[in-house]
Structures are given as C-alpha cells and as structure tokens.
Protein backbone atom coordinates (compact mmCIF):
# COMPACT_ATOMS: atom_id res chain seq x y z
CA MET A 1 123.38 88.17 116.77
CA LEU A 2 124.00 90.73 114.06
CA ALA A 3 122.67 94.23 114.51
CA PHE A 4 121.53 96.28 111.54
CA ARG A 5 121.05 100.01 111.45
CA TRP A 6 118.99 101.12 108.49
CA GLN A 7 120.05 104.47 107.09
CA SER A 8 116.62 105.13 105.60
CA ALA A 9 113.20 103.63 105.11
CA ALA A 10 114.14 103.09 101.45
CA GLN A 11 117.16 100.96 102.43
CA LEU A 12 115.06 98.79 104.73
CA LEU A 13 112.36 98.38 102.10
CA ALA A 14 114.91 97.41 99.46
CA VAL A 15 115.67 94.35 101.59
CA LEU A 16 112.02 93.67 102.38
CA GLN A 17 111.10 93.83 98.67
CA ARG A 18 112.74 90.41 98.32
CA VAL A 19 110.32 88.81 100.79
CA PRO A 20 107.26 87.20 99.17
CA LEU A 21 104.16 87.96 101.16
CA CYS A 22 101.48 85.28 101.19
CA ASN A 23 98.69 86.99 103.09
CA GLY A 24 95.77 84.64 102.50
CA ALA A 25 97.70 81.40 102.98
CA LEU A 26 98.18 82.08 106.70
CA PHE A 27 94.45 82.15 107.33
CA GLY A 28 93.26 79.39 105.00
CA GLY A 29 92.59 81.66 102.02
CA GLU A 30 94.27 81.68 98.66
CA PRO A 31 97.86 82.91 98.83
CA THR A 32 98.45 86.31 97.33
CA VAL A 33 101.90 87.63 96.54
CA SER A 34 102.66 91.34 96.52
CA SER A 35 105.74 93.15 95.34
CA LYS A 36 105.35 95.68 98.15
CA PRO A 37 106.20 94.70 101.72
CA LEU A 38 103.35 94.89 104.22
CA LEU A 39 104.28 96.51 107.52
CA LEU A 40 102.16 96.60 110.67
CA LEU A 41 102.06 99.84 112.67
CA THR A 42 100.02 100.91 115.69
CA ASP A 43 98.52 104.37 115.88
CA PRO A 44 100.00 106.29 118.86
CA ALA A 45 96.65 107.83 119.94
CA HIS A 46 96.94 106.32 123.42
CA PHE A 47 100.73 106.27 123.74
CA GLU A 48 102.13 107.54 127.04
CA VAL A 49 105.03 106.94 129.37
CA SER A 50 103.25 106.00 132.57
CA TYR A 51 105.77 103.58 134.09
CA ARG A 52 109.50 102.89 133.94
CA ILE A 53 111.08 99.62 132.83
CA ASN A 54 114.27 101.05 131.32
CA PRO A 55 116.43 104.18 131.74
CA TRP A 56 114.88 105.88 128.70
CA MET A 57 111.36 105.85 130.07
CA GLN A 58 110.82 109.00 132.12
CA PRO A 59 107.26 109.18 133.50
CA CYS A 60 108.05 112.42 135.36
CA ALA A 61 109.19 114.13 132.15
CA TRP A 62 106.08 112.85 130.34
CA ALA A 63 103.85 114.20 133.14
CA GLU A 64 105.30 117.72 132.66
CA ASP A 65 103.74 118.02 129.18
CA PRO A 66 101.64 114.96 128.22
CA ALA A 67 99.77 116.76 125.41
CA GLY A 68 103.03 118.05 123.90
CA HIS A 69 104.72 114.66 124.10
CA LEU A 70 101.70 112.91 122.58
CA ALA A 71 101.65 115.46 119.75
CA ALA A 72 105.35 114.78 119.14
CA ALA A 73 104.69 111.01 119.08
CA GLU A 74 101.89 111.53 116.55
CA ARG A 75 104.15 113.70 114.35
CA SER A 76 106.88 111.06 114.50
CA PHE A 77 104.37 108.35 113.59
CA GLN A 78 103.11 110.37 110.61
CA ALA A 79 106.68 111.04 109.42
CA LEU A 80 107.51 107.33 109.64
CA ALA A 81 104.32 106.28 107.85
CA THR A 82 104.91 108.86 105.11
CA ALA A 83 108.54 107.76 104.61
CA LEU A 84 107.61 104.07 104.49
CA THR A 85 104.77 104.67 102.03
CA ALA A 86 106.99 106.89 99.85
CA ALA A 87 109.60 104.13 99.84
CA GLY A 88 107.00 101.67 98.53
CA ALA A 89 105.57 99.89 101.58
CA ARG A 90 101.96 98.97 102.19
CA LEU A 91 100.91 99.81 105.73
CA GLU A 92 98.38 98.13 107.98
CA ILE A 93 97.64 100.53 110.84
CA MET A 94 96.05 99.12 113.98
CA PRO A 95 94.24 101.47 116.33
CA GLY A 96 95.85 102.04 119.71
CA VAL A 97 94.10 100.75 122.81
CA VAL A 98 93.37 102.69 126.01
CA ASP A 99 95.45 101.41 128.95
CA LEU A 100 98.00 99.72 126.66
CA PRO A 101 100.34 102.72 126.31
CA ASP A 102 103.31 100.80 124.93
CA MET A 103 101.36 98.89 122.28
CA VAL A 104 103.12 101.06 119.68
CA PHE A 105 106.33 99.06 120.22
CA SER A 106 106.88 95.73 118.53
CA ALA A 107 107.34 92.57 120.50
CA ASN A 108 108.98 89.50 119.04
CA ALA A 109 109.85 91.35 115.82
CA ALA A 110 111.70 89.66 112.99
CA VAL A 111 112.59 90.12 109.34
CA VAL A 112 111.96 87.04 107.23
CA LEU A 113 114.13 86.67 104.15
CA ASP A 114 114.82 83.59 102.04
CA ARG A 115 112.86 81.41 104.50
CA ARG A 116 115.09 82.49 107.41
CA ALA A 117 114.12 84.78 110.25
CA LEU A 118 116.37 87.40 111.78
CA VAL A 119 114.84 87.86 115.22
CA ALA A 120 115.20 91.27 116.83
CA ARG A 121 117.08 91.59 120.08
CA PHE A 122 116.05 94.88 121.62
CA ARG A 123 118.44 96.37 124.14
C-alpha cells in the first residue's frame, strides 16, 4: 500500500480535480458533474476523547481542559474548512452527534481516481 502525505490542501485538491463527481446518479437522479471536488466533513461540536483505543488518545489529558480542547478542535476544523474551500473544494458539513465523539474521523476512506480506488490504511 502506498502512503501519500499531502503538503497542502491545494495539492490534494489538484489530484481530486481530476475525479468526475456524479452526485445524482448514485441516488437514482440525473448525474451531475462538477469541476470542484465534494468533500464530506463532520462538525466537531461533540468531539471529545472519552476512551482510549490507541496511544494518541489521552482521556485524562482531555479531562484536564475539555472546553479548551474542544475550542482547539473547532479552530482546527475551521482552518481546514477554510483551506479546502480556498483551494477550490465544495464542502458538505454534517452535524456532529451527541455520544458519537469520534464521528469526526473518517472510516473506510478512499480516493477514487480514473475508476480506481486508493483505500486508506490508517495506522
């Protein structure tokens, strides 16, 4: 599996610009093609570190300043959304859900290009 590290949102979007997006065709509607990639994000309103499943998750550290950590997560989210939009992406932002604190992280992510999928392998 190849690993890619994007240097900027603009570099990632330059690759994604080549992917035709057929929004309506997936749900039985008329296909629509956009020149701007559509990215799905989840608002971090309910993000928290309340359990540990890897060494980077530190519930005790989160508990020391939950409001400060949540504010930092919201600032990071806004910076990412601003950078992606400035680089030319269209964003679909889903609201966070209470009691699903890690919903902000993608599962089963992939980049589709030229009818091939590069599936993420998070580690």
